[in-house]
Amino acid sequence: MDGGTLIHSDLNPANLIVTPLGLRIVDWAWATKAAAWVELALLVPWLIGSGHNAEQAEQWLTQLPAWTATDGLVLDDFASRNATKWAAKARRSTETWVHDLAMWTGEWADHRTDGPVSP
């Protein structure tokens, strides 16, 4: 995940505003430097939550060189660890959005591993 690209790290529908001048990304409180693929990997669950399945979400990301240049094993590992993190958070939370992220990250991890991921 180490890299020199400035990433937002919290792209979600609430942080994307469409204006007559184009898309604006707001709330940069969690901005950090990372590998470029990290931002895209963090976007996958939100694409799933917006109605895409995991395969469609990944297919959409193939138009971006940072995605296609990333080793599949790296993405497998990230998807699995992210799903495990959100599953643990969901066990301790009653917030709907936390449970949604646990479900969406789990769907992506399942797709990457062709089977359920244990939390």
N, C-alpha and C. Protein backbone atom coordinates (compact mmCIF):
# COMPACT_ATOMS: atom_id res chain seq x y z
N MET A 1 0.82 -1.20 0.00
CA MET A 1 0.00 0.00 0.00
C MET A 1 0.86 1.26 0.00
N ASP A 2 2.14 1.08 0.23
CA ASP A 2 3.03 2.22 0.28
C ASP A 2 3.17 2.85 -1.10
N GLY A 3 3.14 4.17 -1.13
CA GLY A 3 3.30 4.87 -2.41
C GLY A 3 3.29 6.36 -2.21
N GLY A 4 3.47 7.07 -3.30
CA GLY A 4 3.57 8.51 -3.22
C GLY A 4 2.40 9.27 -3.81
N THR A 5 1.28 8.60 -4.05
CA THR A 5 0.11 9.24 -4.63
C THR A 5 -0.78 9.79 -3.51
N LEU A 6 -1.22 11.03 -3.66
CA LEU A 6 -2.18 11.59 -2.71
C LEU A 6 -3.54 10.95 -2.97
N ILE A 7 -4.09 10.29 -1.96
CA ILE A 7 -5.42 9.69 -2.10
C ILE A 7 -6.37 10.28 -1.07
N HIS A 8 -7.62 10.28 -1.40
CA HIS A 8 -8.67 10.77 -0.52
C HIS A 8 -8.92 9.78 0.60
N SER A 9 -9.02 8.53 0.29
CA SER A 9 -9.21 7.37 1.16
C SER A 9 -10.60 7.26 1.79
N ASP A 10 -11.52 8.12 1.39
CA ASP A 10 -12.89 8.03 1.90
C ASP A 10 -13.89 8.45 0.82
N LEU A 11 -13.62 7.99 -0.41
CA LEU A 11 -14.58 8.29 -1.47
C LEU A 11 -15.85 7.50 -1.21
N ASN A 12 -16.93 8.21 -1.06
CA ASN A 12 -18.24 7.59 -0.88
C ASN A 12 -19.26 8.60 -1.39
N PRO A 13 -20.50 8.19 -1.58
CA PRO A 13 -21.48 9.11 -2.16
C PRO A 13 -21.61 10.45 -1.44
N ALA A 14 -21.42 10.48 -0.14
CA ALA A 14 -21.56 11.73 0.61
C ALA A 14 -20.41 12.70 0.34
N ASN A 15 -19.30 12.19 -0.16
CA ASN A 15 -18.14 13.03 -0.41
C ASN A 15 -17.95 13.39 -1.89
N LEU A 16 -18.93 13.04 -2.70
CA LEU A 16 -18.90 13.36 -4.13
C LEU A 16 -20.08 14.27 -4.44
N ILE A 17 -19.80 15.45 -4.93
CA ILE A 17 -20.86 16.42 -5.23
C ILE A 17 -20.77 16.79 -6.71
N VAL A 18 -21.87 16.61 -7.43
CA VAL A 18 -21.93 16.97 -8.83
C VAL A 18 -22.46 18.40 -8.92
N THR A 19 -21.69 19.26 -9.60
CA THR A 19 -22.07 20.66 -9.78
C THR A 19 -22.15 20.94 -11.28
N PRO A 20 -22.68 22.08 -11.67
CA PRO A 20 -22.68 22.43 -13.10
C PRO A 20 -21.27 22.48 -13.70
N LEU A 21 -20.27 22.65 -12.85
CA LEU A 21 -18.88 22.71 -13.31
C LEU A 21 -18.18 21.35 -13.28
N GLY A 22 -18.88 20.33 -12.82
CA GLY A 22 -18.30 18.99 -12.77
C GLY A 22 -18.33 18.40 -11.37
N LEU A 23 -17.64 17.30 -11.22
CA LEU A 23 -17.59 16.58 -9.95
C LEU A 23 -16.63 17.27 -8.99
N ARG A 24 -17.06 17.38 -7.75
CA ARG A 24 -16.22 17.92 -6.68
C ARG A 24 -16.11 16.85 -5.59
N ILE A 25 -14.89 16.64 -5.16
CA ILE A 25 -14.64 15.69 -4.07
C ILE A 25 -14.37 16.51 -2.82
N VAL A 26 -15.17 16.26 -1.77
CA VAL A 26 -15.07 17.04 -0.54
C VAL A 26 -14.65 16.15 0.63
N ASP A 27 -14.39 16.78 1.77
CA ASP A 27 -14.02 16.11 3.02
C ASP A 27 -12.73 15.32 2.86
N TRP A 28 -11.65 16.05 2.81
CA TRP A 28 -10.32 15.45 2.64
C TRP A 28 -9.64 15.18 3.99
N ALA A 29 -10.42 14.95 5.05
CA ALA A 29 -9.85 14.77 6.38
C ALA A 29 -8.94 13.54 6.47
N TRP A 30 -9.17 12.52 5.65
CA TRP A 30 -8.38 11.29 5.72
C TRP A 30 -7.40 11.17 4.57
N ALA A 31 -7.09 12.28 3.92
CA ALA A 31 -6.14 12.25 2.81
C ALA A 31 -4.80 11.72 3.30
N THR A 32 -4.15 10.95 2.44
CA THR A 32 -2.86 10.36 2.79
C THR A 32 -2.10 10.02 1.52
N LYS A 33 -0.87 9.64 1.67
CA LYS A 33 -0.08 9.16 0.55
C LYS A 33 -0.10 7.63 0.58
N ALA A 34 -0.32 7.05 -0.61
CA ALA A 34 -0.37 5.59 -0.72
C ALA A 34 -0.13 5.22 -2.19
N ALA A 35 -0.09 3.94 -2.46
CA ALA A 35 -0.06 3.47 -3.84
C ALA A 35 -1.38 3.87 -4.50
N ALA A 36 -1.33 4.21 -5.77
CA ALA A 36 -2.52 4.70 -6.47
C ALA A 36 -3.66 3.68 -6.47
N TRP A 37 -3.34 2.39 -6.49
CA TRP A 37 -4.38 1.36 -6.54
C TRP A 37 -5.23 1.34 -5.26
N VAL A 38 -4.69 1.86 -4.16
CA VAL A 38 -5.42 1.80 -2.89
C VAL A 38 -6.74 2.57 -2.98
N GLU A 39 -6.70 3.77 -3.57
CA GLU A 39 -7.95 4.55 -3.72
C GLU A 39 -8.98 3.75 -4.49
N LEU A 40 -8.54 3.07 -5.55
CA LEU A 40 -9.46 2.31 -6.38
C LEU A 40 -10.01 1.10 -5.61
N ALA A 41 -9.15 0.45 -4.85
CA ALA A 41 -9.62 -0.69 -4.05
C ALA A 41 -10.63 -0.26 -3.00
N LEU A 42 -10.42 0.93 -2.42
CA LEU A 42 -11.38 1.43 -1.44
C LEU A 42 -12.70 1.84 -2.09
N LEU A 43 -12.67 2.07 -3.39
CA LEU A 43 -13.88 2.44 -4.12
C LEU A 43 -14.75 1.23 -4.45
N VAL A 44 -14.15 0.06 -4.57
CA VAL A 44 -14.88 -1.15 -4.97
C VAL A 44 -16.14 -1.39 -4.13
N PRO A 45 -16.06 -1.37 -2.79
CA PRO A 45 -17.28 -1.62 -2.01
C PRO A 45 -18.39 -0.62 -2.30
N TRP A 46 -18.02 0.63 -2.55
CA TRP A 46 -19.04 1.65 -2.84
C TRP A 46 -19.68 1.41 -4.21
N LEU A 47 -18.91 0.90 -5.15
CA LEU A 47 -19.49 0.54 -6.44
C LEU A 47 -20.46 -0.63 -6.26
N ILE A 48 -20.08 -1.58 -5.43
CA ILE A 48 -20.98 -2.70 -5.13
C ILE A 48 -22.25 -2.19 -4.45
N GLY A 49 -22.09 -1.30 -3.50
CA GLY A 49 -23.25 -0.73 -2.80
C GLY A 49 -24.14 0.11 -3.70
N SER A 50 -23.59 0.55 -4.83
CA SER A 50 -24.38 1.35 -5.78
C SER A 50 -25.07 0.49 -6.83
N GLY A 51 -24.97 -0.83 -6.68
CA GLY A 51 -25.72 -1.71 -7.57
C GLY A 51 -24.90 -2.58 -8.50
N HIS A 52 -23.59 -2.41 -8.52
CA HIS A 52 -22.73 -3.26 -9.34
C HIS A 52 -22.42 -4.53 -8.57
N ASN A 53 -22.17 -5.61 -9.29
CA ASN A 53 -21.61 -6.76 -8.58
C ASN A 53 -20.09 -6.59 -8.58
N ALA A 54 -19.40 -7.44 -7.87
CA ALA A 54 -17.95 -7.29 -7.72
C ALA A 54 -17.24 -7.36 -9.07
N GLU A 55 -17.67 -8.25 -9.91
CA GLU A 55 -17.04 -8.38 -11.23
C GLU A 55 -17.23 -7.11 -12.05
N GLN A 56 -18.43 -6.54 -12.02
CA GLN A 56 -18.69 -5.30 -12.75
C GLN A 56 -17.85 -4.15 -12.20
N ALA A 57 -17.73 -4.07 -10.88
CA ALA A 57 -16.94 -3.01 -10.26
C ALA A 57 -15.49 -3.10 -10.72
N GLU A 58 -14.93 -4.30 -10.68
CA GLU A 58 -13.55 -4.48 -11.11
C GLU A 58 -13.41 -4.20 -12.60
N GLN A 59 -14.37 -4.62 -13.39
CA GLN A 59 -14.32 -4.37 -14.83
C GLN A 59 -14.28 -2.87 -15.12
N TRP A 60 -15.08 -2.10 -14.40
CA TRP A 60 -15.09 -0.65 -14.59
C TRP A 60 -13.70 -0.06 -14.28
N LEU A 61 -13.05 -0.60 -13.26
CA LEU A 61 -11.75 -0.08 -12.85
C LEU A 61 -10.63 -0.43 -13.82
N THR A 62 -10.87 -1.39 -14.72
CA THR A 62 -9.81 -1.77 -15.67
C THR A 62 -9.46 -0.66 -16.65
N GLN A 63 -10.27 0.38 -16.71
CA GLN A 63 -9.93 1.51 -17.57
C GLN A 63 -8.82 2.38 -16.97
N LEU A 64 -8.44 2.10 -15.74
CA LEU A 64 -7.45 2.91 -15.03
C LEU A 64 -6.13 2.14 -14.90
N PRO A 65 -5.04 2.70 -15.41
CA PRO A 65 -3.75 2.00 -15.38
C PRO A 65 -3.29 1.57 -13.99
N ALA A 66 -3.59 2.35 -12.97
CA ALA A 66 -3.18 1.98 -11.61
C ALA A 66 -3.83 0.66 -11.19
N TRP A 67 -5.01 0.38 -11.69
CA TRP A 67 -5.70 -0.87 -11.37
C TRP A 67 -5.08 -2.03 -12.13
N THR A 68 -4.94 -1.86 -13.42
CA THR A 68 -4.45 -2.97 -14.25
C THR A 68 -2.99 -3.30 -13.98
N ALA A 69 -2.24 -2.36 -13.46
CA ALA A 69 -0.82 -2.59 -13.16
C ALA A 69 -0.61 -3.28 -11.81
N THR A 70 -1.68 -3.43 -11.05
CA THR A 70 -1.55 -4.00 -9.70
C THR A 70 -1.67 -5.51 -9.75
N ASP A 71 -0.77 -6.18 -9.08
CA ASP A 71 -0.75 -7.64 -9.01
C ASP A 71 -2.06 -8.13 -8.39
N GLY A 72 -2.68 -9.12 -9.01
CA GLY A 72 -3.93 -9.68 -8.51
C GLY A 72 -3.82 -10.22 -7.10
N LEU A 73 -2.66 -10.76 -6.74
CA LEU A 73 -2.49 -11.28 -5.38
C LEU A 73 -2.53 -10.16 -4.35
N VAL A 74 -2.04 -8.99 -4.73
CA VAL A 74 -2.11 -7.83 -3.83
C VAL A 74 -3.57 -7.45 -3.61
N LEU A 75 -4.35 -7.43 -4.68
CA LEU A 75 -5.77 -7.10 -4.56
C LEU A 75 -6.52 -8.17 -3.77
N ASP A 76 -6.18 -9.44 -3.99
CA ASP A 76 -6.79 -10.53 -3.21
C ASP A 76 -6.57 -10.30 -1.72
N ASP A 77 -5.32 -10.02 -1.36
CA ASP A 77 -4.96 -9.82 0.04
C ASP A 77 -5.69 -8.61 0.62
N PHE A 78 -5.69 -7.51 -0.13
CA PHE A 78 -6.36 -6.30 0.35
C PHE A 78 -7.85 -6.56 0.55
N ALA A 79 -8.49 -7.19 -0.43
CA ALA A 79 -9.94 -7.46 -0.33
C ALA A 79 -10.25 -8.32 0.89
N SER A 80 -9.44 -9.34 1.11
CA SER A 80 -9.66 -10.23 2.25
C SER A 80 -9.48 -9.50 3.59
N ARG A 81 -8.40 -8.75 3.70
CA ARG A 81 -8.14 -8.05 4.96
C ARG A 81 -9.16 -6.93 5.22
N ASN A 82 -9.59 -6.27 4.16
CA ASN A 82 -10.58 -5.21 4.32
C ASN A 82 -11.92 -5.81 4.75
N ALA A 83 -12.29 -6.94 4.17
CA ALA A 83 -13.53 -7.61 4.57
C ALA A 83 -13.47 -8.06 6.02
N THR A 84 -12.34 -8.59 6.43
CA THR A 84 -12.17 -9.02 7.82
C THR A 84 -12.31 -7.83 8.77
N LYS A 85 -11.69 -6.70 8.39
CA LYS A 85 -11.78 -5.49 9.22
C LYS A 85 -13.23 -5.04 9.38
N TRP A 86 -13.96 -4.95 8.26
CA TRP A 86 -15.34 -4.46 8.34
C TRP A 86 -16.28 -5.46 9.01
N ALA A 87 -16.02 -6.75 8.88
CA ALA A 87 -16.82 -7.75 9.60
C ALA A 87 -16.64 -7.57 11.10
N ALA A 88 -15.42 -7.33 11.54
CA ALA A 88 -15.16 -7.11 12.97
C ALA A 88 -15.84 -5.84 13.45
N LYS A 89 -15.77 -4.77 12.65
CA LYS A 89 -16.43 -3.52 13.04
C LYS A 89 -17.95 -3.72 13.12
N ALA A 90 -18.51 -4.49 12.21
CA ALA A 90 -19.96 -4.70 12.19
C ALA A 90 -20.43 -5.47 13.43
N ARG A 91 -19.58 -6.35 13.95
CA ARG A 91 -19.97 -7.09 15.16
C ARG A 91 -20.09 -6.17 16.37
N ARG A 92 -19.41 -5.01 16.33
CA ARG A 92 -19.42 -4.09 17.47
C ARG A 92 -20.29 -2.85 17.23
N SER A 93 -20.99 -2.81 16.09
CA SER A 93 -21.71 -1.59 15.74
C SER A 93 -23.15 -1.88 15.34
N THR A 94 -24.00 -0.92 15.62
CA THR A 94 -25.39 -1.02 15.14
C THR A 94 -25.62 -0.08 13.96
N GLU A 95 -24.59 0.64 13.53
CA GLU A 95 -24.71 1.59 12.42
C GLU A 95 -24.95 0.84 11.10
N THR A 96 -25.97 1.25 10.38
CA THR A 96 -26.32 0.60 9.12
C THR A 96 -25.17 0.66 8.13
N TRP A 97 -24.52 1.82 8.02
CA TRP A 97 -23.46 1.96 7.02
C TRP A 97 -22.28 1.03 7.31
N VAL A 98 -22.02 0.73 8.57
CA VAL A 98 -20.95 -0.19 8.92
C VAL A 98 -21.30 -1.60 8.45
N HIS A 99 -22.55 -1.98 8.67
CA HIS A 99 -23.01 -3.31 8.22
C HIS A 99 -23.03 -3.38 6.70
N ASP A 100 -23.39 -2.29 6.05
CA ASP A 100 -23.36 -2.25 4.58
C ASP A 100 -21.93 -2.47 4.08
N LEU A 101 -20.98 -1.75 4.66
CA LEU A 101 -19.59 -1.92 4.23
C LEU A 101 -19.08 -3.33 4.51
N ALA A 102 -19.51 -3.91 5.61
CA ALA A 102 -19.12 -5.29 5.90
C ALA A 102 -19.67 -6.23 4.82
N MET A 103 -20.90 -6.01 4.41
CA MET A 103 -21.50 -6.85 3.37
C MET A 103 -20.80 -6.64 2.02
N TRP A 104 -20.58 -5.38 1.66
CA TRP A 104 -19.98 -5.09 0.35
C TRP A 104 -18.53 -5.54 0.26
N THR A 105 -17.76 -5.32 1.33
CA THR A 105 -16.36 -5.78 1.30
C THR A 105 -16.31 -7.30 1.30
N GLY A 106 -17.27 -7.92 2.00
CA GLY A 106 -17.35 -9.39 1.98
C GLY A 106 -17.67 -9.92 0.59
N GLU A 107 -18.57 -9.25 -0.11
CA GLU A 107 -18.90 -9.66 -1.48
C GLU A 107 -17.67 -9.58 -2.38
N TRP A 108 -16.90 -8.49 -2.22
CA TRP A 108 -15.71 -8.36 -3.06
C TRP A 108 -14.68 -9.43 -2.71
N ALA A 109 -14.45 -9.66 -1.43
CA ALA A 109 -13.49 -10.68 -1.02
C ALA A 109 -13.92 -12.06 -1.50
N ASP A 110 -15.21 -12.36 -1.41
CA ASP A 110 -15.71 -13.64 -1.91
C ASP A 110 -15.43 -13.78 -3.40
N HIS A 111 -15.65 -12.72 -4.13
CA HIS A 111 -15.40 -12.73 -5.58
C HIS A 111 -13.91 -12.99 -5.86
N ARG A 112 -13.04 -12.34 -5.10
CA ARG A 112 -11.60 -12.48 -5.34
C ARG A 112 -11.10 -13.86 -4.97
N THR A 113 -11.75 -14.52 -4.00
CA THR A 113 -11.28 -15.82 -3.53
C THR A 113 -12.17 -16.97 -3.98
N ASP A 114 -13.26 -16.65 -4.68
CA ASP A 114 -14.22 -17.67 -5.11
C ASP A 114 -14.82 -18.44 -3.95
N GLY A 115 -15.02 -17.75 -2.83
CA GLY A 115 -15.66 -18.39 -1.68
C GLY A 115 -15.72 -17.44 -0.52
N PRO A 116 -16.54 -17.76 0.49
CA PRO A 116 -16.69 -16.87 1.65
C PRO A 116 -15.38 -16.65 2.39
N VAL A 117 -15.22 -15.44 2.87
CA VAL A 117 -14.05 -15.09 3.68
C VAL A 117 -14.44 -15.15 5.14
N SER A 118 -13.64 -15.82 5.94
CA SER A 118 -13.93 -15.90 7.37
C SER A 118 -13.52 -14.61 8.06
N PRO A 119 -14.40 -14.04 8.88
CA PRO A 119 -14.05 -12.81 9.60
C PRO A 119 -13.01 -13.07 10.67
